[in-house]
Protein backbone atom coordinates (compact mmCIF):
# COMPACT_ATOMS: atom_id res chain seq x y z
CA MET A 1 5.67 108.54 -43.82
CA TYR A 2 9.11 108.82 -42.27
CA ASN A 3 12.17 109.61 -44.31
CA THR A 4 14.26 106.44 -44.39
CA PHE A 5 18.03 106.53 -45.04
CA ILE A 6 19.86 103.36 -46.14
CA ILE A 7 23.54 103.45 -45.19
CA SER A 8 25.57 101.77 -47.97
CA LEU A 9 29.14 102.19 -49.07
CA ALA A 10 28.24 101.90 -52.75
CA ASN A 11 31.01 103.94 -54.35
CA SER A 12 34.04 102.70 -52.52
CA GLY A 13 37.30 101.56 -54.01
CA SER A 14 37.52 99.02 -51.20
CA GLY A 15 36.59 95.64 -52.58
CA LYS A 16 34.96 94.31 -49.43
CA HIS A 17 32.57 97.22 -49.14
CA ARG A 18 31.84 97.33 -52.84
CA ARG A 19 30.93 93.67 -52.80
CA SER A 20 28.72 94.08 -49.75
CA ALA A 21 26.77 96.92 -51.44
CA ARG A 22 26.49 95.16 -54.83
CA ASP A 23 25.15 91.95 -53.27
CA ILE A 24 22.63 93.22 -50.80
CA LEU A 25 21.65 96.83 -51.56
CA PRO A 26 19.36 96.03 -54.54
CA HIS A 27 17.46 93.49 -52.33
CA THR A 28 16.99 96.06 -49.60
CA LEU A 29 15.79 98.66 -52.03
CA SER A 30 13.30 96.21 -53.57
CA LEU A 31 11.86 95.43 -50.16
CA CYS A 32 11.44 99.14 -49.47
CA GLN A 33 9.45 99.55 -52.63
CA ARG A 34 7.38 96.39 -51.90
CA HIS A 35 6.42 97.65 -48.44
CA ASN A 36 6.04 101.35 -49.41
CA TRP A 37 8.91 102.70 -47.46
CA ASN A 38 10.17 106.23 -48.41
CA ALA A 39 13.80 105.21 -48.72
CA THR A 40 16.83 107.19 -49.84
CA LEU A 41 20.41 105.90 -50.22
CA PHE A 42 22.93 107.45 -48.06
CA ASN A 43 26.41 106.89 -49.37
CA ALA A 44 28.31 105.73 -46.31
CA VAL A 45 31.61 107.18 -45.02
CA ASN A 46 34.64 105.13 -45.93
CA GLY A 47 36.45 104.66 -42.70
CA TYR A 48 39.70 103.76 -44.44
CA LYS A 49 39.88 107.33 -45.81
CA LEU A 50 39.31 109.18 -42.53
CA ASN A 51 42.00 111.35 -40.92
CA GLU A 52 42.20 113.74 -37.97
CA SER A 53 41.08 116.76 -39.98
CA VAL A 54 37.87 115.02 -41.08
CA TRP A 55 36.99 114.15 -37.41
CA GLU A 56 37.71 117.75 -36.39
CA SER A 57 35.40 119.04 -39.08
CA TYR A 58 32.55 117.15 -37.34
CA GLN A 59 33.69 118.43 -33.86
CA LEU A 60 34.73 114.93 -32.93
CA ALA A 61 37.89 113.54 -31.40
CA CYS A 62 39.94 111.29 -33.72
CA PRO A 63 39.65 107.66 -32.44
CA GLN A 64 42.88 106.30 -31.03
CA LYS A 65 44.17 102.81 -31.43
CA SER A 66 44.05 100.49 -28.39
CA LYS A 67 47.13 100.19 -26.26
CA ASN A 68 46.32 96.61 -25.33
CA GLU A 69 45.01 93.45 -27.05
CA LYS A 70 41.35 94.47 -26.70
CA LYS A 71 40.28 96.22 -29.88
CA ASN A 72 38.33 99.40 -29.89
CA ILE A 73 36.87 101.68 -32.57
CA GLY A 74 40.31 103.17 -33.19
CA ASP A 75 41.50 99.76 -34.43
CA LEU A 76 38.59 99.33 -36.82
CA PRO A 77 38.38 101.67 -39.74
CA GLY A 78 35.16 100.07 -40.92
CA ALA A 79 33.54 100.77 -37.55
CA GLN A 80 34.72 104.33 -37.70
CA GLY A 81 33.03 104.86 -41.02
CA CYS A 82 29.93 103.18 -39.77
CA PHE A 83 29.77 105.45 -36.73
CA LEU A 84 30.33 108.61 -38.69
CA SER A 85 27.61 107.61 -41.17
CA HIS A 86 25.11 107.28 -38.31
CA TYR A 87 26.39 110.52 -36.73
CA ILE A 88 25.85 112.47 -40.01
CA LEU A 89 22.26 111.12 -40.17
CA TRP A 90 21.58 112.06 -36.58
CA ASN A 91 22.52 115.62 -37.62
CA ARG A 92 20.24 115.30 -40.64
CA CYS A 93 17.36 114.30 -38.32
CA ILE A 94 18.09 117.42 -36.23
CA GLU A 95 18.15 119.64 -39.32
CA LEU A 96 14.81 118.19 -40.62
CA ASN A 97 13.31 118.50 -37.10
CA GLN A 98 11.35 115.35 -37.60
CA PRO A 99 11.82 111.66 -36.83
CA VAL A 100 13.70 109.60 -39.41
CA VAL A 101 14.49 105.94 -39.90
CA VAL A 102 18.07 104.74 -40.30
CA LEU A 103 18.82 101.35 -41.99
CA GLU A 104 22.08 99.65 -42.78
CA ASP A 105 22.04 97.92 -46.17
CA ASP A 106 21.85 94.44 -44.58
CA ALA A 107 18.45 95.29 -43.05
CA GLU A 108 15.68 93.14 -44.43
CA ILE A 109 12.25 94.81 -44.29
CA ILE A 110 9.37 92.43 -43.50
CA ALA A 111 6.38 94.78 -43.06
CA PRO A 112 5.11 98.30 -43.89
CA LEU A 113 6.30 101.26 -41.77
CA GLU A 114 3.40 102.83 -39.83
CA GLU A 115 3.33 105.83 -37.57
CA ILE A 116 5.33 105.25 -34.39
CA SER A 117 3.78 106.78 -31.28
CA THR A 118 6.13 106.47 -28.37
CA ASP A 119 7.88 108.26 -25.52
CA PHE A 120 11.23 106.65 -26.50
CA ASP A 121 13.90 108.76 -28.10
CA LEU A 122 14.94 105.80 -30.26
CA VAL A 123 13.09 102.63 -31.27
CA LYS A 124 14.89 99.61 -32.76
CA LEU A 125 12.66 98.14 -35.48
CA HIS A 126 13.88 94.51 -35.13
CA LYS A 127 13.32 91.87 -32.52
CA PRO A 128 15.38 92.02 -29.30
CA ARG A 129 18.97 90.79 -29.76
CA ALA A 130 21.84 90.10 -27.45
CA SER A 131 22.16 92.87 -24.88
CA GLY A 132 24.89 94.07 -22.56
CA GLN A 133 25.49 96.32 -19.55
CA SER A 134 28.35 98.80 -19.57
CA LYS A 135 29.26 101.64 -17.21
CA LEU A 136 26.99 103.77 -19.36
CA GLY A 137 23.95 101.52 -18.94
CA HIS A 138 21.98 99.08 -21.00
CA TRP A 139 22.66 98.57 -24.71
CA SER A 140 21.98 95.82 -27.31
CA THR A 141 23.72 94.43 -30.34
CA GLY A 142 22.99 96.02 -33.66
CA ALA A 143 22.22 99.53 -35.07
CA PHE A 144 21.00 98.28 -38.45
CA ALA A 145 17.36 99.51 -38.15
CA TYR A 146 15.91 102.18 -35.95
CA TRP A 147 13.53 105.13 -35.71
CA ILE A 148 14.93 108.18 -34.02
CA SER A 149 13.45 111.47 -32.88
CA PRO A 150 15.17 114.82 -33.16
CA ALA A 151 15.45 114.95 -29.39
CA GLY A 152 17.15 111.54 -29.39
CA ALA A 153 19.44 112.59 -32.21
CA LYS A 154 20.52 115.71 -30.28
CA LYS A 155 21.43 113.55 -27.26
CA LEU A 156 23.56 111.21 -29.31
CA VAL A 157 25.33 114.08 -31.11
CA GLU A 158 26.15 115.96 -27.88
CA PHE A 159 27.35 112.82 -26.18
CA ALA A 160 29.59 111.92 -29.09
CA LYS A 161 31.08 115.45 -29.06
CA GLN A 162 31.84 115.10 -25.39
CA LYS A 163 33.03 111.47 -25.22
CA GLY A 164 34.22 110.77 -28.79
CA PRO A 165 33.19 108.21 -31.39
CA MET A 166 32.00 104.70 -30.29
CA LEU A 167 30.72 101.60 -31.94
CA ALA A 168 27.29 102.60 -33.33
CA ASP A 169 25.28 100.11 -31.28
CA LYS A 170 27.17 100.79 -28.02
CA ILE A 171 26.47 104.54 -28.07
CA ILE A 172 22.72 103.76 -28.10
CA VAL A 173 22.75 103.21 -24.33
CA SER A 174 20.31 103.94 -21.57
CA SER A 175 22.27 106.73 -19.88
CA VAL A 176 22.36 108.72 -23.12
CA LEU A 177 18.83 108.32 -24.30
CA ASN A 178 15.63 106.28 -23.80
CA TRP A 179 15.42 103.49 -26.25
CA GLY A 180 13.23 100.38 -26.79
CA TYR A 181 11.95 97.94 -29.43
CA LEU A 182 8.98 98.05 -31.75
CA THR A 183 6.44 95.22 -31.29
CA PRO A 184 5.91 93.48 -33.48
CA PRO A 185 9.23 93.97 -35.37
CA ILE A 186 9.16 95.10 -38.98
CA VAL A 187 12.83 94.50 -39.90
CA LYS A 188 15.15 91.58 -39.52
CA LEU A 189 18.88 91.25 -40.15
CA GLY A 190 19.62 89.83 -43.62
CA PRO A 191 22.29 87.22 -44.24
CA ARG A 192 25.82 88.45 -43.45
CA ILE A 193 28.43 88.36 -46.16
CA GLY A 194 31.01 90.09 -44.08
CA SER A 195 31.48 92.78 -41.44
CA SER A 196 33.87 95.68 -41.11
CA THR A 197 33.26 95.93 -37.34
CA GLN A 198 33.61 92.16 -36.69
CA PRO A 199 36.02 90.94 -39.44
CA GLU A 200 37.22 87.89 -37.48
CA LYS A 201 33.72 86.66 -36.87
CA TYR A 202 32.25 87.59 -40.25
CA PRO A 203 35.07 87.68 -42.85
CA TYR A 204 34.37 88.91 -46.36
CA PRO A 205 34.35 86.24 -49.14
CA TYR A 206 36.86 85.87 -51.94
CA GLY A 207 39.71 87.04 -49.72
CA TYR A 208 38.57 90.72 -49.71
């Protein structure tokens, strides 16, 4: 069975992230137990506490704020923490030298996890979602549930070192690695109670 890591900012002093973890993490963990997933909690990086020296320690460029009205990862501390959490787990996959599964804490497991036999570097475990085309190739919305091979993890890490941090779903793009979807899906996206990467669209409750 694959090692599964659930990204959740459980020990943050930031009210919005603390509420997110408190409300949905127990449900995610109970679903892992119900469907016999070998899950471990990964305490996510708090993007509000990042600085240039932290980025340098991971051999990554510090994200810069946008110079125009269009926001990028440099304008979104929550997205920075999200990216770096995924990046650390890609390195964990390389160290283990075996495929792993990465979940965000709003992932809702709907079926057992079986062996995945594929030529893809990365397999998203949910149904196809909105997709886009960038200068880097084809990508799709969401990085909340995926299986990744060590070879795929190496490709993402090396690309990030060269090009810098990106939104976690947009770095999973066809020019960087081969990715696809699992059929039938075994994970769905749970109800949103707020988003640090899309705060305007998904604001946190209670004014957090």
